[in-house]
Amino acid sequence: MAHPLSAYLALIDALAAAGWKLHPIRDAFAAPASPPSAYLRHDVDRRPDRALTMAEAEARRGIRASYYFRCDARGRFPARVMQRIAGLGHEPGFHYECLSRCRGDQDAALARFEHELALCRRIVPVETVAPHGAPLSAASNMDFAAGIGPERFGLLGDATGLDLSNSLYVTDTGGTFGSRHNLRDRSGGPMLAAPVHPRRLAAHLIDSGATRVVLSCHPERWPAGRLGLLQAAARDLATNAAKRLIRTVR
């Protein structure tokens, strides 16, 4: 299910009040923070307008996060929103889906990645990238970065390349934190064992003794209004139904 933006803001406010340091993903590569710390990753799959609203609310709190943007099949990005979010002090990044769009062809995917990254960099600076899960595709973009050094593209890293063996990875993939409908967005390290409501997550993290967390959210799932909540919830219901079917078929 979707949640109101106020629930996300209450979560980060509670972490900040408890002394947690909140950072964008690039800091995890360039200057890792002392614990307790949380790295904020936002995958902008759809509705860049909601990403901008979230980014403005974070900026008012002095908080910086990473926003990863997809391009469409014709290589177009939401340039205006990207530039405004970067202007607020957040980290803009490239949310790639090259392997799924190239139907698993690694060579074609590599060429597409290089081309689309260059297009993204014409709009904003890019230091880190992150894959789009594309759960309905047979090819997983999570497999693309394996064996491809980010330095060849002038990148600090890929968000999936972080060593999370001793960090808790928390994502809203599937519609809520710890959803059983998360098919691909996994870290290889600790994750939530069961769903946790956003308004309880800060207390859960503090009580669990976690000291380093990567918090991954999709801004489209955190609208400010009631109509947006209904729209986001309907999309999650439809997507999760498709995931259940795919899990059965595969």
C-alpha atoms as a PDB file:
ATOM      1  CA  MET A   1       0.000   0.000   0.000  1.00  0.00           C
ATOM      2  CA  ALA A   2       1.027   3.621  -0.428  1.00  0.00           C
ATOM      3  CA  HIS A   3       1.674   5.970   2.470  1.00  0.00           C
ATOM      4  CA  PRO A   4       1.340   9.752   2.867  1.00  0.00           C
ATOM      5  CA  LEU A   5       4.411  11.917   2.499  1.00  0.00           C
ATOM      6  CA  SER A   6       3.884  12.999   6.112  1.00  0.00           C
ATOM      7  CA  ALA A   7       4.687   9.435   7.240  1.00  0.00           C
ATOM      8  CA  TYR A   8       8.034   9.490   5.432  1.00  0.00           C
ATOM      9  CA  LEU A   9       8.872  12.908   6.865  1.00  0.00           C
ATOM     10  CA  ALA A  10       7.953  11.713  10.371  1.00  0.00           C
ATOM     11  CA  LEU A  11      10.337   8.783   9.860  1.00  0.00           C
ATOM     12  CA  ILE A  12      13.347  10.882   8.915  1.00  0.00           C
ATOM     13  CA  ASP A  13      12.512  13.478  11.560  1.00  0.00           C
ATOM     14  CA  ALA A  14      12.517  10.738  14.214  1.00  0.00           C
ATOM     15  CA  LEU A  15      15.857   9.370  13.019  1.00  0.00           C
ATOM     16  CA  ALA A  16      17.408  12.840  12.984  1.00  0.00           C
ATOM     17  CA  ALA A  17      16.045  13.585  16.465  1.00  0.00           C
ATOM     18  CA  ALA A  18      17.639  10.346  17.704  1.00  0.00           C
ATOM     19  CA  GLY A  19      21.042  11.513  16.468  1.00  0.00           C
ATOM     20  CA  TRP A  20      21.184   9.641  13.171  1.00  0.00           C
ATOM     21  CA  LYS A  21      23.121  11.254  10.339  1.00  0.00           C
ATOM     22  CA  LEU A  22      21.240  11.263   7.022  1.00  0.00           C
ATOM     23  CA  HIS A  23      23.210  11.240   3.768  1.00  0.00           C
ATOM     24  CA  PRO A  24      22.921  10.723   0.018  1.00  0.00           C
ATOM     25  CA  ILE A  25      24.329   7.527  -1.494  1.00  0.00           C
ATOM     26  CA  ARG A  26      27.457   9.197  -2.889  1.00  0.00           C
ATOM     27  CA  ASP A  27      28.642   9.867   0.681  1.00  0.00           C
ATOM     28  CA  ALA A  28      28.707   6.121   1.325  1.00  0.00           C
ATOM     29  CA  PHE A  29      31.407   5.872  -1.356  1.00  0.00           C
ATOM     30  CA  ALA A  30      33.220   9.184  -0.896  1.00  0.00           C
ATOM     31  CA  ALA A  31      33.069   9.804   2.868  1.00  0.00           C
ATOM     32  CA  PRO A  32      31.256   7.138   4.917  1.00  0.00           C
ATOM     33  CA  ALA A  33      29.584   8.591   7.993  1.00  0.00           C
ATOM     34  CA  SER A  34      30.125   7.413  11.543  1.00  0.00           C
ATOM     35  CA  PRO A  35      27.194   5.435  13.010  1.00  0.00           C
ATOM     36  CA  PRO A  36      24.335   5.657  13.456  1.00  0.00           C
ATOM     37  CA  SER A  37      23.715   6.738   9.888  1.00  0.00           C
ATOM     38  CA  ALA A  38      21.169   6.288   7.128  1.00  0.00           C
ATOM     39  CA  TYR A  39      21.751   6.713   3.404  1.00  0.00           C
ATOM     40  CA  LEU A  40      18.666   7.946   1.572  1.00  0.00           C
ATOM     41  CA  ARG A  41      18.002   6.526  -1.893  1.00  0.00           C
ATOM     42  CA  HIS A  42      14.975   7.620  -3.923  1.00  0.00           C
ATOM     43  CA  ASP A  43      14.202   5.824  -7.204  1.00  0.00           C
ATOM     44  CA  VAL A  44      12.055   8.078  -9.382  1.00  0.00           C
ATOM     45  CA  ASP A  45      10.259   5.465 -11.457  1.00  0.00           C
ATOM     46  CA  ARG A  46       7.241   7.685 -12.174  1.00  0.00           C
ATOM     47  CA  ARG A  47       5.693  10.971 -11.066  1.00  0.00           C
ATOM     48  CA  PRO A  48       8.767  13.229 -10.872  1.00  0.00           C
ATOM     49  CA  ASP A  49       6.468  15.904  -9.460  1.00  0.00           C
ATOM     50  CA  ARG A  50       6.160  13.852  -6.266  1.00  0.00           C
ATOM     51  CA  ALA A  51       9.936  13.494  -6.152  1.00  0.00           C
ATOM     52  CA  LEU A  52      10.247  17.275  -6.251  1.00  0.00           C
ATOM     53  CA  THR A  53       7.752  17.679  -3.409  1.00  0.00           C
ATOM     54  CA  MET A  54       9.694  15.167  -1.309  1.00  0.00           C
ATOM     55  CA  ALA A  55      13.022  16.816  -2.171  1.00  0.00           C
ATOM     56  CA  GLU A  56      11.725  20.242  -1.157  1.00  0.00           C
ATOM     57  CA  ALA A  57      10.496  18.888   2.187  1.00  0.00           C
ATOM     58  CA  GLU A  58      13.881  17.258   2.865  1.00  0.00           C
ATOM     59  CA  ALA A  59      15.746  20.411   1.876  1.00  0.00           C
ATOM     60  CA  ARG A  60      13.712  22.480   4.329  1.00  0.00           C
ATOM     61  CA  ARG A  61      15.066  20.129   7.011  1.00  0.00           C
ATOM     62  CA  GLY A  62      18.649  20.463   5.803  1.00  0.00           C
ATOM     63  CA  ILE A  63      18.624  16.846   4.620  1.00  0.00           C
ATOM     64  CA  ARG A  64      20.226  15.673   1.374  1.00  0.00           C
ATOM     65  CA  ALA A  65      19.276  12.469  -0.440  1.00  0.00           C
ATOM     66  CA  SER A  66      19.977  10.706  -3.744  1.00  0.00           C
ATOM     67  CA  TYR A  67      17.371  10.832  -6.532  1.00  0.00           C
ATOM     68  CA  TYR A  68      17.774   8.360  -9.382  1.00  0.00           C
ATOM     69  CA  PHE A  69      15.960   9.244 -12.613  1.00  0.00           C
ATOM     70  CA  ARG A  70      14.785   6.969 -15.421  1.00  0.00           C
ATOM     71  CA  CYS A  71      14.690   7.968 -19.050  1.00  0.00           C
ATOM     72  CA  ASP A  72      11.951   6.861 -21.406  1.00  0.00           C
ATOM     73  CA  ALA A  73      12.490   4.561 -24.378  1.00  0.00           C
ATOM     74  CA  ARG A  74      13.461   7.599 -26.494  1.00  0.00           C
ATOM     75  CA  GLY A  75      16.132   8.761 -24.060  1.00  0.00           C
ATOM     76  CA  ARG A  76      14.177  11.650 -22.535  1.00  0.00           C
ATOM     77  CA  PHE A  77      14.602  12.586 -18.864  1.00  0.00           C
ATOM     78  CA  PRO A  78      12.455  14.889 -16.670  1.00  0.00           C
ATOM     79  CA  ALA A  79      15.129  17.566 -17.038  1.00  0.00           C
ATOM     80  CA  ARG A  80      13.344  20.445 -15.302  1.00  0.00           C
ATOM     81  CA  VAL A  81      12.650  18.429 -12.150  1.00  0.00           C
ATOM     82  CA  MET A  82      16.158  16.946 -12.158  1.00  0.00           C
ATOM     83  CA  GLN A  83      17.754  20.379 -12.247  1.00  0.00           C
ATOM     84  CA  ARG A  84      15.484  21.743  -9.536  1.00  0.00           C
ATOM     85  CA  ILE A  85      16.214  18.809  -7.231  1.00  0.00           C
ATOM     86  CA  ALA A  86      19.956  19.137  -7.848  1.00  0.00           C
ATOM     87  CA  GLY A  87      19.637  22.853  -7.107  1.00  0.00           C
ATOM     88  CA  LEU A  88      18.215  21.979  -3.669  1.00  0.00           C
ATOM     89  CA  GLY A  89      21.500  20.232  -2.822  1.00  0.00           C
ATOM     90  CA  HIS A  90      20.418  16.649  -3.448  1.00  0.00           C
ATOM     91  CA  GLU A  91      22.405  14.109  -5.444  1.00  0.00           C
ATOM     92  CA  PRO A  92      20.932  13.404  -8.898  1.00  0.00           C
ATOM     93  CA  GLY A  93      21.690  10.002 -10.416  1.00  0.00           C
ATOM     94  CA  PHE A  94      20.845   7.702 -13.312  1.00  0.00           C
ATOM     95  CA  HIS A  95      18.250   4.953 -12.744  1.00  0.00           C
ATOM     96  CA  TYR A  96      19.172   2.563 -15.523  1.00  0.00           C
ATOM     97  CA  GLU A  97      17.210  -0.301 -17.047  1.00  0.00           C
ATOM     98  CA  CYS A  98      19.470  -1.139 -19.967  1.00  0.00           C
ATOM     99  CA  LEU A  99      19.526  -4.911 -19.601  1.00  0.00           C
ATOM    100  CA  SER A 100      15.757  -5.311 -19.415  1.00  0.00           C
ATOM    101  CA  ARG A 101      15.211  -2.983 -22.377  1.00  0.00           C
ATOM    102  CA  CYS A 102      17.825  -4.909 -24.373  1.00  0.00           C
ATOM    103  CA  ARG A 103      16.205  -8.241 -23.405  1.00  0.00           C
ATOM    104  CA  GLY A 104      19.289  -9.560 -21.646  1.00  0.00           C
ATOM    105  CA  ASP A 105      21.821  -8.703 -24.370  1.00  0.00           C
ATOM    106  CA  GLN A 106      24.844  -7.561 -22.313  1.00  0.00           C
ATOM    107  CA  ASP A 107      26.719  -5.922 -25.217  1.00  0.00           C
ATOM    108  CA  ALA A 108      23.685  -3.945 -26.343  1.00  0.00           C
ATOM    109  CA  ALA A 109      22.929  -3.053 -22.728  1.00  0.00           C
ATOM    110  CA  LEU A 110      26.440  -1.723 -22.185  1.00  0.00           C
ATOM    111  CA  ALA A 111      26.213   0.513 -25.263  1.00  0.00           C
ATOM    112  CA  ARG A 112      22.791   1.744 -24.172  1.00  0.00           C
ATOM    113  CA  PHE A 113      23.992   2.422 -20.631  1.00  0.00           C
ATOM    114  CA  GLU A 114      26.898   4.537 -21.877  1.00  0.00           C
ATOM    115  CA  HIS A 115      24.635   6.494 -24.232  1.00  0.00           C
ATOM    116  CA  GLU A 116      21.884   7.146 -21.694  1.00  0.00           C
ATOM    117  CA  LEU A 117      24.366   8.058 -18.955  1.00  0.00           C
ATOM    118  CA  ALA A 118      25.842  10.675 -21.294  1.00  0.00           C
ATOM    119  CA  LEU A 119      22.345  12.058 -21.949  1.00  0.00           C
ATOM    120  CA  CYS A 120      21.690  12.235 -18.219  1.00  0.00           C
ATOM    121  CA  ARG A 121      24.969  14.060 -17.638  1.00  0.00           C
ATOM    122  CA  ARG A 122      23.972  16.746 -20.123  1.00  0.00           C
ATOM    123  CA  ILE A 123      21.268  17.685 -17.616  1.00  0.00           C
ATOM    124  CA  VAL A 124      22.888  17.132 -14.202  1.00  0.00           C
ATOM    125  CA  PRO A 125      26.186  15.811 -12.813  1.00  0.00           C
ATOM    126  CA  VAL A 126      26.074  12.084 -12.088  1.00  0.00           C
ATOM    127  CA  GLU A 127      28.412  10.362  -9.610  1.00  0.00           C
ATOM    128  CA  THR A 128      26.398   7.252  -8.740  1.00  0.00           C
ATOM    129  CA  VAL A 129      23.808   5.125 -10.510  1.00  0.00           C
ATOM    130  CA  ALA A 130      21.190   2.557  -9.465  1.00  0.00           C
ATOM    131  CA  PRO A 131      19.293  -0.155 -11.376  1.00  0.00           C
ATOM    132  CA  HIS A 132      15.558  -0.230 -11.944  1.00  0.00           C
ATOM    133  CA  GLY A 133      14.115  -3.562 -10.819  1.00  0.00           C
ATOM    134  CA  ALA A 134      11.748  -4.040 -13.797  1.00  0.00           C
ATOM    135  CA  PRO A 135      10.125  -7.035 -12.050  1.00  0.00           C
ATOM    136  CA  LEU A 136       7.889  -7.861 -15.026  1.00  0.00           C
ATOM    137  CA  SER A 137      10.893  -8.372 -17.315  1.00  0.00           C
ATOM    138  CA  ALA A 138      12.717 -11.696 -17.680  1.00  0.00           C
ATOM    139  CA  ALA A 139      16.077  -9.877 -17.587  1.00  0.00           C
ATOM    140  CA  SER A 140      17.137  -8.358 -14.268  1.00  0.00           C
ATOM    141  CA  ASN A 141      18.956  -5.030 -14.335  1.00  0.00           C
ATOM    142  CA  MET A 142      20.392  -6.021 -10.958  1.00  0.00           C
ATOM    143  CA  ASP A 143      22.746  -8.337 -12.869  1.00  0.00           C
ATOM    144  CA  PHE A 144      24.078  -5.673 -15.230  1.00  0.00           C
ATOM    145  CA  ALA A 145      26.701  -4.038 -13.013  1.00  0.00           C
ATOM    146  CA  ALA A 146      28.455  -7.309 -12.112  1.00  0.00           C
ATOM    147  CA  GLY A 147      31.975  -7.197 -13.513  1.00  0.00           C
ATOM    148  CA  ILE A 148      31.627  -3.663 -14.919  1.00  0.00           C
ATOM    149  CA  GLY A 149      33.861  -1.235 -13.085  1.00  0.00           C
ATOM    150  CA  PRO A 150      32.113   2.096 -12.376  1.00  0.00           C
ATOM    151  CA  GLU A 151      35.420   3.929 -12.758  1.00  0.00           C
ATOM    152  CA  ARG A 152      35.350   3.328 -16.523  1.00  0.00           C
ATOM    153  CA  PHE A 153      32.366   5.690 -16.599  1.00  0.00           C
ATOM    154  CA  GLY A 154      33.779   8.218 -14.145  1.00  0.00           C
ATOM    155  CA  LEU A 155      31.414   7.060 -11.401  1.00  0.00           C
ATOM    156  CA  LEU A 156      31.971   6.717  -7.671  1.00  0.00           C
ATOM    157  CA  GLY A 157      29.848   3.592  -7.756  1.00  0.00           C
ATOM    158  CA  ASP A 158      26.590   1.771  -8.318  1.00  0.00           C
ATOM    159  CA  ALA A 159      24.150   1.779  -5.389  1.00  0.00           C
ATOM    160  CA  THR A 160      23.962  -2.017  -5.631  1.00  0.00           C
ATOM    161  CA  GLY A 161      27.751  -2.174  -5.237  1.00  0.00           C
ATOM    162  CA  LEU A 162      27.715  -0.956  -1.645  1.00  0.00           C
ATOM    163  CA  ASP A 163      28.902  -3.526   0.872  1.00  0.00           C
ATOM    164  CA  LEU A 164      25.708  -4.100   2.841  1.00  0.00           C
ATOM    165  CA  SER A 165      26.796  -7.277   4.603  1.00  0.00           C
ATOM    166  CA  ASN A 166      26.751  -5.410   7.912  1.00  0.00           C
ATOM    167  CA  SER A 167      24.094  -2.832   7.001  1.00  0.00           C
ATOM    168  CA  LEU A 168      20.325  -3.052   7.026  1.00  0.00           C
ATOM    169  CA  TYR A 169      18.717  -2.488   3.636  1.00  0.00           C
ATOM    170  CA  VAL A 170      15.170  -1.163   3.903  1.00  0.00           C
ATOM    171  CA  THR A 171      13.066  -0.660   0.775  1.00  0.00           C
ATOM    172  CA  ASP A 172       9.426   0.169   0.064  1.00  0.00           C
ATOM    173  CA  THR A 173       9.471  -2.042  -3.057  1.00  0.00           C
ATOM    174  CA  GLY A 174       6.199  -3.943  -3.061  1.00  0.00           C
ATOM    175  CA  GLY A 175       4.316  -1.088  -1.430  1.00  0.00           C
ATOM    176  CA  THR A 176       5.564  -0.986   2.144  1.00  0.00           C
ATOM    177  CA  PHE A 177       8.757  -1.545   4.120  1.00  0.00           C
ATOM    178  CA  GLY A 178       9.445  -5.281   4.290  1.00  0.00           C
ATOM    179  CA  SER A 179       6.812  -6.254   1.709  1.00  0.00           C
ATOM    180  CA  ARG A 180       6.594  -9.910   0.689  1.00  0.00           C
ATOM    181  CA  HIS A 181       6.007  -8.691  -2.885  1.00  0.00           C
ATOM    182  CA  ASN A 182       9.622  -7.569  -3.288  1.00  0.00           C
ATOM    183  CA  LEU A 183      10.989  -9.903  -5.983  1.00  0.00           C
ATOM    184  CA  ARG A 184      14.354  -8.373  -6.915  1.00  0.00           C
ATOM    185  CA  ASP A 185      15.272  -5.413  -4.738  1.00  0.00           C
ATOM    186  CA  ARG A 186      17.532  -7.292  -2.335  1.00  0.00           C
ATOM    187  CA  SER A 187      20.959  -6.488  -0.935  1.00  0.00           C
ATOM    188  CA  GLY A 188      22.482  -9.837  -0.020  1.00  0.00           C
ATOM    189  CA  GLY A 189      22.694  -8.591   3.581  1.00  0.00           C
ATOM    190  CA  PRO A 190      20.228  -7.989   6.433  1.00  0.00           C
ATOM    191  CA  MET A 191      16.697  -6.885   5.534  1.00  0.00           C
ATOM    192  CA  LEU A 192      13.427  -6.558   7.416  1.00  0.00           C
ATOM    193  CA  ALA A 193      12.039  -9.947   8.394  1.00  0.00           C
ATOM    194  CA  ALA A 194       8.424  -8.723   8.247  1.00  0.00           C
ATOM    195  CA  PRO A 195       6.537  -5.597   7.135  1.00  0.00           C
ATOM    196  CA  VAL A 196       6.971  -2.505   9.315  1.00  0.00           C
ATOM    197  CA  HIS A 197       4.695   0.523   9.046  1.00  0.00           C
ATOM    198  CA  PRO A 198       6.590   3.749   8.255  1.00  0.00           C
ATOM    199  CA  ARG A 199       5.412   5.401  11.467  1.00  0.00           C
ATOM    200  CA  ARG A 200       6.946   2.547  13.476  1.00  0.00           C
ATOM    201  CA  LEU A 201      10.111   2.121  11.451  1.00  0.00           C
ATOM    202  CA  ALA A 202      12.297   4.668  13.269  1.00  0.00           C
ATOM    203  CA  ALA A 203      11.572   3.054  16.638  1.00  0.00           C
ATOM    204  CA  HIS A 204      12.112  -0.379  15.093  1.00  0.00           C
ATOM    205  CA  LEU A 205      15.540   0.606  13.748  1.00  0.00           C
ATOM    206  CA  ILE A 206      16.613   2.238  17.004  1.00  0.00           C
ATOM    207  CA  ASP A 207      15.393  -0.676  19.138  1.00  0.00           C
ATOM    208  CA  SER A 208      17.000  -3.249  16.827  1.00  0.00           C
ATOM    209  CA  GLY A 209      20.457  -1.821  17.435  1.00  0.00           C
ATOM    210  CA  ALA A 210      21.025  -1.108  13.746  1.00  0.00           C
ATOM    211  CA  THR A 211      23.749   1.482  13.202  1.00  0.00           C
ATOM    212  CA  ARG A 212      23.948   1.705   9.396  1.00  0.00           C
ATOM    213  CA  VAL A 213      20.908   1.655   7.124  1.00  0.00           C
ATOM    214  CA  VAL A 214      20.244   2.217   3.440  1.00  0.00           C
ATOM    215  CA  LEU A 215      16.685   3.505   3.129  1.00  0.00           C
ATOM    216  CA  SER A 216      15.289   3.123  -0.379  1.00  0.00           C
ATOM    217  CA  CYS A 217      11.994   4.823  -1.262  1.00  0.00           C
ATOM    218  CA  HIS A 218      10.009   5.517  -4.429  1.00  0.00           C
ATOM    219  CA  PRO A 219       8.576   9.053  -4.193  1.00  0.00           C
ATOM    220  CA  GLU A 220       5.533   8.072  -6.280  1.00  0.00           C
ATOM    221  CA  ARG A 221       4.415   5.965  -3.280  1.00  0.00           C
ATOM    222  CA  TRP A 222       4.520   8.944  -0.906  1.00  0.00           C
ATOM    223  CA  PRO A 223       1.987  11.495  -2.219  1.00  0.00           C
ATOM    224  CA  ALA A 224       0.882  14.486  -0.221  1.00  0.00           C
ATOM    225  CA  GLY A 225      -2.857  14.235  -1.016  1.00  0.00           C
ATOM    226  CA  ARG A 226      -5.637  11.683  -0.610  1.00  0.00           C
ATOM    227  CA  LEU A 227      -6.218  11.258  -4.369  1.00  0.00           C
ATOM    228  CA  GLY A 228      -2.530  10.516  -4.857  1.00  0.00           C
ATOM    229  CA  LEU A 229      -2.719   7.864  -2.138  1.00  0.00           C
ATOM    230  CA  LEU A 230      -5.587   6.129  -3.911  1.00  0.00           C
ATOM    231  CA  GLN A 231      -3.740   6.228  -7.241  1.00  0.00           C
ATOM    232  CA  ALA A 232      -0.507   4.860  -5.769  1.00  0.00           C
ATOM    233  CA  ALA A 233      -2.329   2.133  -3.852  1.00  0.00           C
ATOM    234  CA  ALA A 234      -4.180   1.032  -7.001  1.00  0.00           C
ATOM    235  CA  ARG A 235      -0.934   0.786  -8.954  1.00  0.00           C
ATOM    236  CA  ASP A 236       0.716  -1.254  -6.184  1.00  0.00           C
ATOM    237  CA  LEU A 237      -2.246  -3.645  -6.065  1.00  0.00           C
ATOM    238  CA  ALA A 238      -2.068  -4.197  -9.817  1.00  0.00           C
ATOM    239  CA  THR A 239       1.714  -4.601  -9.833  1.00  0.00           C
ATOM    240  CA  ASN A 240       1.719  -7.003  -6.908  1.00  0.00           C
ATOM    241  CA  ALA A 241      -0.962  -9.109  -8.589  1.00  0.00           C
ATOM    242  CA  ALA A 242       1.249  -9.332 -11.681  1.00  0.00           C
ATOM    243  CA  LYS A 243       4.222 -10.290  -9.484  1.00  0.00           C
ATOM    244  CA  ARG A 244       2.224 -13.104  -7.897  1.00  0.00           C
ATOM    245  CA  LEU A 245       1.420 -14.438 -11.357  1.00  0.00           C
ATOM    246  CA  ILE A 246       5.052 -14.187 -12.467  1.00  0.00           C
ATOM    247  CA  ARG A 247       6.241 -15.954  -9.308  1.00  0.00           C
ATOM    248  CA  THR A 248       3.846 -18.813 -10.088  1.00  0.00           C
ATOM    249  CA  VAL A 249       4.869 -19.059 -13.753  1.00  0.00           C
ATOM    250  CA  ARG A 250       8.609 -18.856 -13.087  1.00  0.00           C
END
